[in-house]
Amino acid sequence: NKEPPRGLEDTSARTGEGVGYITFVLFPRHTNKETRDNTIDLIHLFRDYLHYHLKCSKAYIHSRMRAKTSEFLKVLNRAKIEEANKKKPSYLGSKSPFI
């Protein structure tokens, strides 16, 4: 979400482009004695999980861009104009028809 959570409304929390907030809703079942440690571990690991997936997405997009660029370069290389000075082979070979 782009807006800061309600708990941060009266603070100098950053807003604007490139800033987002994730809110976790915890119910009593998440904070009871049996599951509290697991909940804390999962919240701590969420940052690493998110960063991993962001990096994977970025790598995938870059690989697709590299593939597209190489395809475009192949098309451009096929479209190069032949030099005007270059002699083209004739059907008569080295013989001239006007001798």
PDB file of N, CA and C in Angstrom:
ATOM      1  N   ASN A   1       0.851  -1.175   0.000  1.00  0.00           N
ATOM      2  CA  ASN A   1       0.000   0.000   0.000  1.00  0.00           C
ATOM      3  C   ASN A   1       0.896   1.237   0.000  1.00  0.00           C
ATOM      4  N   LYS A   2       0.477   2.298  -0.668  1.00  0.00           N
ATOM      5  CA  LYS A   2       1.281   3.520  -0.752  1.00  0.00           C
ATOM      6  C   LYS A   2       1.148   4.391   0.496  1.00  0.00           C
ATOM      7  N   GLU A   3       0.035   4.281   1.173  1.00  0.00           N
ATOM      8  CA  GLU A   3      -0.192   5.098   2.373  1.00  0.00           C
ATOM      9  C   GLU A   3       0.372   4.392   3.602  1.00  0.00           C
ATOM     10  N   PRO A   4       0.944   5.149   4.535  1.00  0.00           N
ATOM     11  CA  PRO A   4       1.453   4.507   5.750  1.00  0.00           C
ATOM     12  C   PRO A   4       0.306   3.947   6.594  1.00  0.00           C
ATOM     13  N   PRO A   5       0.575   2.928   7.400  1.00  0.00           N
ATOM     14  CA  PRO A   5      -0.471   2.371   8.266  1.00  0.00           C
ATOM     15  C   PRO A   5      -0.992   3.413   9.255  1.00  0.00           C
ATOM     16  N   ARG A   6      -2.155   3.153   9.797  1.00  0.00           N
ATOM     17  CA  ARG A   6      -2.774   4.114  10.725  1.00  0.00           C
ATOM     18  C   ARG A   6      -1.907   4.389  11.940  1.00  0.00           C
ATOM     19  N   GLY A   7      -1.127   3.430  12.357  1.00  0.00           N
ATOM     20  CA  GLY A   7      -0.250   3.620  13.503  1.00  0.00           C
ATOM     21  C   GLY A   7       0.870   4.629  13.228  1.00  0.00           C
ATOM     22  N   LEU A   8       1.125   4.930  11.962  1.00  0.00           N
ATOM     23  CA  LEU A   8       2.190   5.865  11.605  1.00  0.00           C
ATOM     24  C   LEU A   8       1.665   7.186  11.050  1.00  0.00           C
ATOM     25  N   GLU A   9       0.352   7.445  11.193  1.00  0.00           N
ATOM     26  CA  GLU A   9      -0.240   8.642  10.602  1.00  0.00           C
ATOM     27  C   GLU A   9       0.354   9.942  11.129  1.00  0.00           C
ATOM     28  N   ASP A  10       0.609  10.039  12.412  1.00  0.00           N
ATOM     29  CA  ASP A  10       1.094  11.292  13.002  1.00  0.00           C
ATOM     30  C   ASP A  10       2.615  11.351  13.076  1.00  0.00           C
ATOM     31  N   THR A  11       3.290  10.492  12.340  1.00  0.00           N
ATOM     32  CA  THR A  11       4.756  10.502  12.348  1.00  0.00           C
ATOM     33  C   THR A  11       5.259  11.034  11.013  1.00  0.00           C
ATOM     34  N   SER A  12       6.548  11.084  10.872  1.00  0.00           N
ATOM     35  CA  SER A  12       7.137  11.557   9.617  1.00  0.00           C
ATOM     36  C   SER A  12       7.452  10.380   8.692  1.00  0.00           C
ATOM     37  N   ALA A  13       6.515   9.456   8.590  1.00  0.00           N
ATOM     38  CA  ALA A  13       6.699   8.288   7.728  1.00  0.00           C
ATOM     39  C   ALA A  13       6.748   8.739   6.274  1.00  0.00           C
ATOM     40  N   ARG A  14       7.646   8.131   5.521  1.00  0.00           N
ATOM     41  CA  ARG A  14       7.828   8.513   4.121  1.00  0.00           C
ATOM     42  C   ARG A  14       6.634   8.093   3.277  1.00  0.00           C
ATOM     43  N   THR A  15       6.305   8.922   2.311  1.00  0.00           N
ATOM     44  CA  THR A  15       5.276   8.604   1.325  1.00  0.00           C
ATOM     45  C   THR A  15       5.795   9.054  -0.034  1.00  0.00           C
ATOM     46  N   GLY A  16       5.120   8.661  -1.068  1.00  0.00           N
ATOM     47  CA  GLY A  16       5.487   9.108  -2.396  1.00  0.00           C
ATOM     48  C   GLY A  16       5.928   7.961  -3.286  1.00  0.00           C
ATOM     49  N   GLU A  17       6.615   8.334  -4.366  1.00  0.00           N
ATOM     50  CA  GLU A  17       7.048   7.359  -5.363  1.00  0.00           C
ATOM     51  C   GLU A  17       8.141   6.452  -4.799  1.00  0.00           C
ATOM     52  N   GLY A  18       7.998   5.160  -5.012  1.00  0.00           N
ATOM     53  CA  GLY A  18       9.004   4.206  -4.570  1.00  0.00           C
ATOM     54  C   GLY A  18       8.909   3.814  -3.112  1.00  0.00           C
ATOM     55  N   VAL A  19       7.863   4.218  -2.415  1.00  0.00           N
ATOM     56  CA  VAL A  19       7.701   3.876  -1.004  1.00  0.00           C
ATOM     57  C   VAL A  19       6.398   3.104  -0.859  1.00  0.00           C
ATOM     58  N   GLY A  20       6.458   1.962  -0.201  1.00  0.00           N
ATOM     59  CA  GLY A  20       5.260   1.171   0.017  1.00  0.00           C
ATOM     60  C   GLY A  20       5.293   0.526   1.390  1.00  0.00           C
ATOM     61  N   TYR A  21       4.148   0.109   1.854  1.00  0.00           N
ATOM     62  CA  TYR A  21       4.041  -0.491   3.178  1.00  0.00           C
ATOM     63  C   TYR A  21       3.312  -1.822   3.078  1.00  0.00           C
ATOM     64  N   ILE A  22       3.757  -2.768   3.883  1.00  0.00           N
ATOM     65  CA  ILE A  22       3.091  -4.064   4.007  1.00  0.00           C
ATOM     66  C   ILE A  22       2.652  -4.196   5.446  1.00  0.00           C
ATOM     67  N   THR A  23       1.393  -4.538   5.632  1.00  0.00           N
ATOM     68  CA  THR A  23       0.846  -4.686   6.976  1.00  0.00           C
ATOM     69  C   THR A  23       0.515  -6.150   7.218  1.00  0.00           C
ATOM     70  N   PHE A  24       0.941  -6.668   8.356  1.00  0.00           N
ATOM     71  CA  PHE A  24       0.605  -8.030   8.754  1.00  0.00           C
ATOM     72  C   PHE A  24      -0.499  -7.967   9.799  1.00  0.00           C
ATOM     73  N   VAL A  25      -1.539  -8.717   9.572  1.00  0.00           N
ATOM     74  CA  VAL A  25      -2.637  -8.795  10.531  1.00  0.00           C
ATOM     75  C   VAL A  25      -2.425 -10.056  11.361  1.00  0.00           C
ATOM     76  N   LEU A  26      -2.259  -9.878  12.646  1.00  0.00           N
ATOM     77  CA  LEU A  26      -2.022 -11.009  13.542  1.00  0.00           C
ATOM     78  C   LEU A  26      -3.240 -11.225  14.433  1.00  0.00           C
ATOM     79  N   PHE A  27      -3.714 -12.438  14.433  1.00  0.00           N
ATOM     80  CA  PHE A  27      -4.844 -12.821  15.261  1.00  0.00           C
ATOM     81  C   PHE A  27      -4.315 -13.494  16.527  1.00  0.00           C
ATOM     82  N   PRO A  28      -5.180 -13.693  17.532  1.00  0.00           N
ATOM     83  CA  PRO A  28      -4.723 -14.344  18.773  1.00  0.00           C
ATOM     84  C   PRO A  28      -4.088 -15.719  18.534  1.00  0.00           C
ATOM     85  N   ARG A  29      -4.524 -16.427  17.519  1.00  0.00           N
ATOM     86  CA  ARG A  29      -3.928 -17.744  17.245  1.00  0.00           C
ATOM     87  C   ARG A  29      -2.466 -17.625  16.798  1.00  0.00           C
ATOM     88  N   HIS A  30      -2.074 -16.458  16.273  1.00  0.00           N
ATOM     89  CA  HIS A  30      -0.688 -16.251  15.855  1.00  0.00           C
ATOM     90  C   HIS A  30       0.226 -15.885  17.027  1.00  0.00           C
ATOM     91  N   THR A  31      -0.381 -15.407  18.114  1.00  0.00           N
ATOM     92  CA  THR A  31       0.437 -14.928  19.232  1.00  0.00           C
ATOM     93  C   THR A  31       0.320 -15.796  20.481  1.00  0.00           C
ATOM     94  N   ASN A  32      -0.359 -16.945  20.381  1.00  0.00           N
ATOM     95  CA  ASN A  32      -0.398 -17.801  21.574  1.00  0.00           C
ATOM     96  C   ASN A  32       0.970 -18.455  21.788  1.00  0.00           C
ATOM     97  N   LYS A  33       1.171 -19.043  22.931  1.00  0.00           N
ATOM     98  CA  LYS A  33       2.507 -19.525  23.315  1.00  0.00           C
ATOM     99  C   LYS A  33       3.066 -20.587  22.371  1.00  0.00           C
ATOM    100  N   GLU A  34       2.214 -21.417  21.796  1.00  0.00           N
ATOM    101  CA  GLU A  34       2.694 -22.502  20.942  1.00  0.00           C
ATOM    102  C   GLU A  34       3.173 -22.007  19.577  1.00  0.00           C
ATOM    103  N   THR A  35       2.537 -20.982  19.029  1.00  0.00           N
ATOM    104  CA  THR A  35       2.850 -20.553  17.656  1.00  0.00           C
ATOM    105  C   THR A  35       3.587 -19.215  17.582  1.00  0.00           C
ATOM    106  N   ARG A  36       3.804 -18.577  18.702  1.00  0.00           N
ATOM    107  CA  ARG A  36       4.428 -17.245  18.714  1.00  0.00           C
ATOM    108  C   ARG A  36       5.809 -17.247  18.052  1.00  0.00           C
ATOM    109  N   ASP A  37       6.638 -18.214  18.401  1.00  0.00           N
ATOM    110  CA  ASP A  37       7.997 -18.260  17.849  1.00  0.00           C
ATOM    111  C   ASP A  37       7.980 -18.469  16.337  1.00  0.00           C
ATOM    112  N   ASN A  38       7.100 -19.344  15.878  1.00  0.00           N
ATOM    113  CA  ASN A  38       6.996 -19.581  14.439  1.00  0.00           C
ATOM    114  C   ASN A  38       6.527 -18.313  13.713  1.00  0.00           C
ATOM    115  N   THR A  39       5.571 -17.601  14.284  1.00  0.00           N
ATOM    116  CA  THR A  39       5.075 -16.361  13.682  1.00  0.00           C
ATOM    117  C   THR A  39       6.194 -15.330  13.577  1.00  0.00           C
ATOM    118  N   ILE A  40       6.956 -15.182  14.625  1.00  0.00           N
ATOM    119  CA  ILE A  40       8.073 -14.221  14.620  1.00  0.00           C
ATOM    120  C   ILE A  40       9.099 -14.617  13.564  1.00  0.00           C
ATOM    121  N   ASP A  41       9.412 -15.906  13.473  1.00  0.00           N
ATOM    122  CA  ASP A  41      10.370 -16.370  12.477  1.00  0.00           C
ATOM    123  C   ASP A  41       9.886 -16.080  11.056  1.00  0.00           C
ATOM    124  N   LEU A  42       8.606 -16.337  10.811  1.00  0.00           N
ATOM    125  CA  LEU A  42       8.062 -16.106   9.468  1.00  0.00           C
ATOM    126  C   LEU A  42       8.087 -14.625   9.097  1.00  0.00           C
ATOM    127  N   ILE A  43       7.778 -13.748  10.043  1.00  0.00           N
ATOM    128  CA  ILE A  43       7.806 -12.311   9.760  1.00  0.00           C
ATOM    129  C   ILE A  43       9.238 -11.851   9.496  1.00  0.00           C
ATOM    130  N   HIS A  44      10.182 -12.383  10.248  1.00  0.00           N
ATOM    131  CA  HIS A  44      11.588 -12.020  10.021  1.00  0.00           C
ATOM    132  C   HIS A  44      12.075 -12.520   8.667  1.00  0.00           C
ATOM    133  N   LEU A  45      11.630 -13.687   8.237  1.00  0.00           N
ATOM    134  CA  LEU A  45      12.061 -14.259   6.974  1.00  0.00           C
ATOM    135  C   LEU A  45      11.356 -13.635   5.765  1.00  0.00           C
ATOM    136  N   PHE A  46      10.282 -12.910   6.013  1.00  0.00           N
ATOM    137  CA  PHE A  46       9.517 -12.346   4.900  1.00  0.00           C
ATOM    138  C   PHE A  46      10.361 -11.397   4.058  1.00  0.00           C
ATOM    139  N   ARG A  47      11.212 -10.606   4.684  1.00  0.00           N
ATOM    140  CA  ARG A  47      12.050  -9.652   3.944  1.00  0.00           C
ATOM    141  C   ARG A  47      12.967 -10.392   2.978  1.00  0.00           C
ATOM    142  N   ASP A  48      13.616 -11.446   3.463  1.00  0.00           N
ATOM    143  CA  ASP A  48      14.491 -12.229   2.592  1.00  0.00           C
ATOM    144  C   ASP A  48      13.705 -12.896   1.464  1.00  0.00           C
ATOM    145  N   TYR A  49      12.527 -13.409   1.796  1.00  0.00           N
ATOM    146  CA  TYR A  49      11.659 -14.035   0.809  1.00  0.00           C
ATOM    147  C   TYR A  49      11.272 -13.032  -0.280  1.00  0.00           C
ATOM    148  N   LEU A  50      10.894 -11.842   0.124  1.00  0.00           N
ATOM    149  CA  LEU A  50      10.498 -10.802  -0.830  1.00  0.00           C
ATOM    150  C   LEU A  50      11.680 -10.385  -1.698  1.00  0.00           C
ATOM    151  N   HIS A  51      12.837 -10.158  -1.084  1.00  0.00           N
ATOM    152  CA  HIS A  51      14.016  -9.755  -1.853  1.00  0.00           C
ATOM    153  C   HIS A  51      14.431 -10.836  -2.854  1.00  0.00           C
ATOM    154  N   TYR A  52      14.342 -12.077  -2.467  1.00  0.00           N
ATOM    155  CA  TYR A  52      14.675 -13.180  -3.363  1.00  0.00           C
ATOM    156  C   TYR A  52      13.790 -13.142  -4.604  1.00  0.00           C
ATOM    157  N   HIS A  53      12.493 -13.000  -4.396  1.00  0.00           N
ATOM    158  CA  HIS A  53      11.575 -13.019  -5.530  1.00  0.00           C
ATOM    159  C   HIS A  53      11.707 -11.769  -6.392  1.00  0.00           C
ATOM    160  N   LEU A  54      12.015 -10.629  -5.792  1.00  0.00           N
ATOM    161  CA  LEU A  54      12.255  -9.425  -6.586  1.00  0.00           C
ATOM    162  C   LEU A  54      13.493  -9.594  -7.458  1.00  0.00           C
ATOM    163  N   LYS A  55      14.553 -10.155  -6.908  1.00  0.00           N
ATOM    164  CA  LYS A  55      15.778 -10.369  -7.682  1.00  0.00           C
ATOM    165  C   LYS A  55      15.553 -11.384  -8.800  1.00  0.00           C
ATOM    166  N   CYS A  56      14.795 -12.431  -8.517  1.00  0.00           N
ATOM    167  CA  CYS A  56      14.504 -13.422  -9.557  1.00  0.00           C
ATOM    168  C   CYS A  56      13.690 -12.807 -10.692  1.00  0.00           C
ATOM    169  N   SER A  57      12.714 -11.981 -10.340  1.00  0.00           N
ATOM    170  CA  SER A  57      11.901 -11.313 -11.363  1.00  0.00           C
ATOM    171  C   SER A  57      12.758 -10.382 -12.204  1.00  0.00           C
ATOM    172  N   LYS A  58      13.639  -9.647 -11.555  1.00  0.00           N
ATOM    173  CA  LYS A  58      14.520  -8.729 -12.272  1.00  0.00           C
ATOM    174  C   LYS A  58      15.447  -9.503 -13.214  1.00  0.00           C
ATOM    175  N   ALA A  59      16.006 -10.604 -12.743  1.00  0.00           N
ATOM    176  CA  ALA A  59      16.892 -11.412 -13.581  1.00  0.00           C
ATOM    177  C   ALA A  59      16.137 -11.981 -14.778  1.00  0.00           C
ATOM    178  N   TYR A  60      14.906 -12.430 -14.570  1.00  0.00           N
ATOM    179  CA  TYR A  60      14.106 -12.971 -15.663  1.00  0.00           C
ATOM    180  C   TYR A  60      13.817 -11.894 -16.707  1.00  0.00           C
ATOM    181  N   ILE A  61      13.434 -10.706 -16.253  1.00  0.00           N
ATOM    182  CA  ILE A  61      13.145  -9.614 -17.185  1.00  0.00           C
ATOM    183  C   ILE A  61      14.397  -9.238 -17.969  1.00  0.00           C
ATOM    184  N   HIS A  62      15.551  -9.201 -17.306  1.00  0.00           N
ATOM    185  CA  HIS A  62      16.795  -8.865 -17.997  1.00  0.00           C
ATOM    186  C   HIS A  62      17.163  -9.940 -19.015  1.00  0.00           C
ATOM    187  N   SER A  63      16.952 -11.199 -18.684  1.00  0.00           N
ATOM    188  CA  SER A  63      17.269 -12.254 -19.650  1.00  0.00           C
ATOM    189  C   SER A  63      16.362 -12.156 -20.865  1.00  0.00           C
ATOM    190  N   ARG A  64      15.093 -11.832 -20.651  1.00  0.00           N
ATOM    191  CA  ARG A  64      14.171 -11.658 -21.784  1.00  0.00           C
ATOM    192  C   ARG A  64      14.567 -10.449 -22.631  1.00  0.00           C
ATOM    193  N   MET A  65      15.015  -9.375 -21.981  1.00  0.00           N
ATOM    194  CA  MET A  65      15.452  -8.190 -22.740  1.00  0.00           C
ATOM    195  C   MET A  65      16.699  -8.514 -23.553  1.00  0.00           C
ATOM    196  N   ARG A  66      17.634  -9.283 -22.979  1.00  0.00           N
ATOM    197  CA  ARG A  66      18.830  -9.662 -23.730  1.00  0.00           C
ATOM    198  C   ARG A  66      18.461 -10.522 -24.933  1.00  0.00           C
ATOM    199  N   ALA A  67      17.523 -11.438 -24.763  1.00  0.00           N
ATOM    200  CA  ALA A  67      17.096 -12.298 -25.861  1.00  0.00           C
ATOM    201  C   ALA A  67      16.447 -11.463 -26.969  1.00  0.00           C
ATOM    202  N   LYS A  68      15.594 -10.529 -26.594  1.00  0.00           N
ATOM    203  CA  LYS A  68      14.943  -9.666 -27.585  1.00  0.00           C
ATOM    204  C   LYS A  68      15.972  -8.807 -28.313  1.00  0.00           C
ATOM    205  N   THR A  69      16.960  -8.304 -27.581  1.00  0.00           N
ATOM    206  CA  THR A  69      17.988  -7.475 -28.202  1.00  0.00           C
ATOM    207  C   THR A  69      18.778  -8.275 -29.221  1.00  0.00           C
ATOM    208  N   SER A  70      19.127  -9.509 -28.889  1.00  0.00           N
ATOM    209  CA  SER A  70      19.876 -10.321 -29.849  1.00  0.00           C
ATOM    210  C   SER A  70      19.018 -10.635 -31.075  1.00  0.00           C
ATOM    211  N   GLU A  71      17.714 -10.840 -30.892  1.00  0.00           N
ATOM    212  CA  GLU A  71      16.827 -11.053 -32.035  1.00  0.00           C
ATOM    213  C   GLU A  71      16.774  -9.810 -32.916  1.00  0.00           C
ATOM    214  N   PHE A  72      16.661  -8.633 -32.308  1.00  0.00           N
ATOM    215  CA  PHE A  72      16.625  -7.394 -33.085  1.00  0.00           C
ATOM    216  C   PHE A  72      17.935  -7.165 -33.824  1.00  0.00           C
ATOM    217  N   LEU A  73      19.066  -7.515 -33.200  1.00  0.00           N
ATOM    218  CA  LEU A  73      20.356  -7.372 -33.874  1.00  0.00           C
ATOM    219  C   LEU A  73      20.458  -8.308 -35.078  1.00  0.00           C
ATOM    220  N   LYS A  74      19.923  -9.505 -34.963  1.00  0.00           N
ATOM    221  CA  LYS A  74      19.909 -10.426 -36.103  1.00  0.00           C
ATOM    222  C   LYS A  74      19.099  -9.852 -37.254  1.00  0.00           C
ATOM    223  N   VAL A  75      17.947  -9.273 -36.951  1.00  0.00           N
ATOM    224  CA  VAL A  75      17.110  -8.668 -37.989  1.00  0.00           C
ATOM    225  C   VAL A  75      17.838  -7.502 -38.649  1.00  0.00           C
ATOM    226  N   LEU A  76      18.498  -6.668 -37.837  1.00  0.00           N
ATOM    227  CA  LEU A  76      19.243  -5.540 -38.396  1.00  0.00           C
ATOM    228  C   LEU A  76      20.404  -6.012 -39.272  1.00  0.00           C
ATOM    229  N   ASN A  77      21.092  -7.038 -38.859  1.00  0.00           N
ATOM    230  CA  ASN A  77      22.203  -7.553 -39.662  1.00  0.00           C
ATOM    231  C   ASN A  77      21.726  -8.145 -40.981  1.00  0.00           C
ATOM    232  N   ARG A  78      20.565  -8.749 -40.982  1.00  0.00           N
ATOM    233  CA  ARG A  78      20.018  -9.279 -42.239  1.00  0.00           C
ATOM    234  C   ARG A  78      19.584  -8.164 -43.169  1.00  0.00           C
ATOM    235  N   ALA A  79      19.247  -7.016 -42.629  1.00  0.00           N
ATOM    236  CA  ALA A  79      18.728  -5.911 -43.440  1.00  0.00           C
ATOM    237  C   ALA A  79      19.817  -4.975 -43.945  1.00  0.00           C
ATOM    238  N   LYS A  80      21.087  -5.294 -43.729  1.00  0.00           N
ATOM    239  CA  LYS A  80      22.163  -4.418 -44.198  1.00  0.00           C
ATOM    240  C   LYS A  80      22.171  -4.354 -45.721  1.00  0.00           C
ATOM    241  N   ILE A  81      22.435  -3.164 -46.249  1.00  0.00           N
ATOM    242  CA  ILE A  81      22.476  -2.949 -47.693  1.00  0.00           C
ATOM    243  C   ILE A  81      23.847  -3.383 -48.204  1.00  0.00           C
ATOM    244  N   GLU A  82      23.847  -4.053 -49.357  1.00  0.00           N
ATOM    245  CA  GLU A  82      25.110  -4.478 -49.945  1.00  0.00           C
ATOM    246  C   GLU A  82      25.843  -3.270 -50.499  1.00  0.00           C
ATOM    247  N   GLU A  83      27.140  -3.346 -50.520  1.00  0.00           N
ATOM    248  CA  GLU A  83      27.942  -2.247 -51.028  1.00  0.00           C
ATOM    249  C   GLU A  83      27.742  -2.109 -52.535  1.00  0.00           C
ATOM    250  N   ALA A  84      27.723  -0.863 -53.037  1.00  0.00           N
ATOM    251  CA  ALA A  84      27.526  -0.609 -54.460  1.00  0.00           C
ATOM    252  C   ALA A  84      28.758  -0.995 -55.265  1.00  0.00           C
ATOM    253  N   ASN A  85      29.968  -0.905 -54.672  1.00  0.00           N
ATOM    254  CA  ASN A  85      31.213  -1.202 -55.376  1.00  0.00           C
ATOM    255  C   ASN A  85      31.438  -2.698 -55.567  1.00  0.00           C
ATOM    256  N   LYS A  86      30.759  -3.471 -54.808  1.00  0.00           N
ATOM    257  CA  LYS A  86      30.969  -4.907 -54.853  1.00  0.00           C
ATOM    258  C   LYS A  86      30.449  -5.457 -56.179  1.00  0.00           C
ATOM    259  N   LYS A  87      31.298  -6.223 -56.879  1.00  0.00           N
ATOM    260  CA  LYS A  87      30.884  -6.798 -58.161  1.00  0.00           C
ATOM    261  C   LYS A  87      29.950  -7.968 -57.900  1.00  0.00           C
ATOM    262  N   LYS A  88      28.867  -7.968 -58.621  1.00  0.00           N
ATOM    263  CA  LYS A  88      27.930  -9.069 -58.526  1.00  0.00           C
ATOM    264  C   LYS A  88      28.273 -10.081 -59.607  1.00  0.00           C
ATOM    265  N   PRO A  89      28.189 -11.344 -59.317  1.00  0.00           N
ATOM    266  CA  PRO A  89      28.508 -12.336 -60.352  1.00  0.00           C
ATOM    267  C   PRO A  89      27.486 -12.282 -61.485  1.00  0.00           C
ATOM    268  N   SER A  90      27.969 -12.385 -62.728  1.00  0.00           N
ATOM    269  CA  SER A  90      27.053 -12.384 -63.881  1.00  0.00           C
ATOM    270  C   SER A  90      26.832 -13.808 -64.342  1.00  0.00           C
ATOM    271  N   TYR A  91      25.815 -13.959 -65.140  1.00  0.00           N
ATOM    272  CA  TYR A  91      25.508 -15.272 -65.655  1.00  0.00           C
ATOM    273  C   TYR A  91      26.494 -15.694 -66.724  1.00  0.00           C
ATOM    274  N   LEU A  92      27.135 -14.698 -67.365  1.00  0.00           N
ATOM    275  CA  LEU A  92      28.083 -14.995 -68.438  1.00  0.00           C
ATOM    276  C   LEU A  92      29.499 -15.229 -67.902  1.00  0.00           C
ATOM    277  N   GLY A  93      29.729 -14.979 -66.671  1.00  0.00           N
ATOM    278  CA  GLY A  93      31.047 -15.148 -66.112  1.00  0.00           C
ATOM    279  C   GLY A  93      31.935 -13.970 -66.515  1.00  0.00           C
ATOM    280  N   SER A  94      33.159 -14.263 -66.994  1.00  0.00           N
ATOM    281  CA  SER A  94      34.091 -13.176 -67.350  1.00  0.00           C
ATOM    282  C   SER A  94      33.903 -12.722 -68.795  1.00  0.00           C
ATOM    283  N   LYS A  95      33.090 -13.383 -69.588  1.00  0.00           N
ATOM    284  CA  LYS A  95      32.871 -13.025 -70.992  1.00  0.00           C
ATOM    285  C   LYS A  95      31.971 -11.804 -71.082  1.00  0.00           C
ATOM    286  N   SER A  96      32.263 -10.946 -72.012  1.00  0.00           N
ATOM    287  CA  SER A  96      31.444  -9.760 -72.222  1.00  0.00           C
ATOM    288  C   SER A  96      30.552  -9.986 -73.440  1.00  0.00           C
ATOM    289  N   PRO A  97      29.277  -9.669 -73.399  1.00  0.00           N
ATOM    290  CA  PRO A  97      28.412  -9.919 -74.541  1.00  0.00           C
ATOM    291  C   PRO A  97      28.652  -8.934 -75.688  1.00  0.00           C
ATOM    292  N   PHE A  98      29.363  -7.837 -75.469  1.00  0.00           N
ATOM    293  CA  PHE A  98      29.530  -6.812 -76.499  1.00  0.00           C
ATOM    294  C   PHE A  98      30.918  -6.819 -77.116  1.00  0.00           C
ATOM    295  N   ILE A  99      31.537  -7.927 -77.280  1.00  0.00           N
ATOM    296  CA  ILE A  99      32.873  -7.968 -77.884  1.00  0.00           C
ATOM    297  C   ILE A  99      32.760  -8.133 -79.361  1.00  0.00           C
TER     298      ILE A  99
END
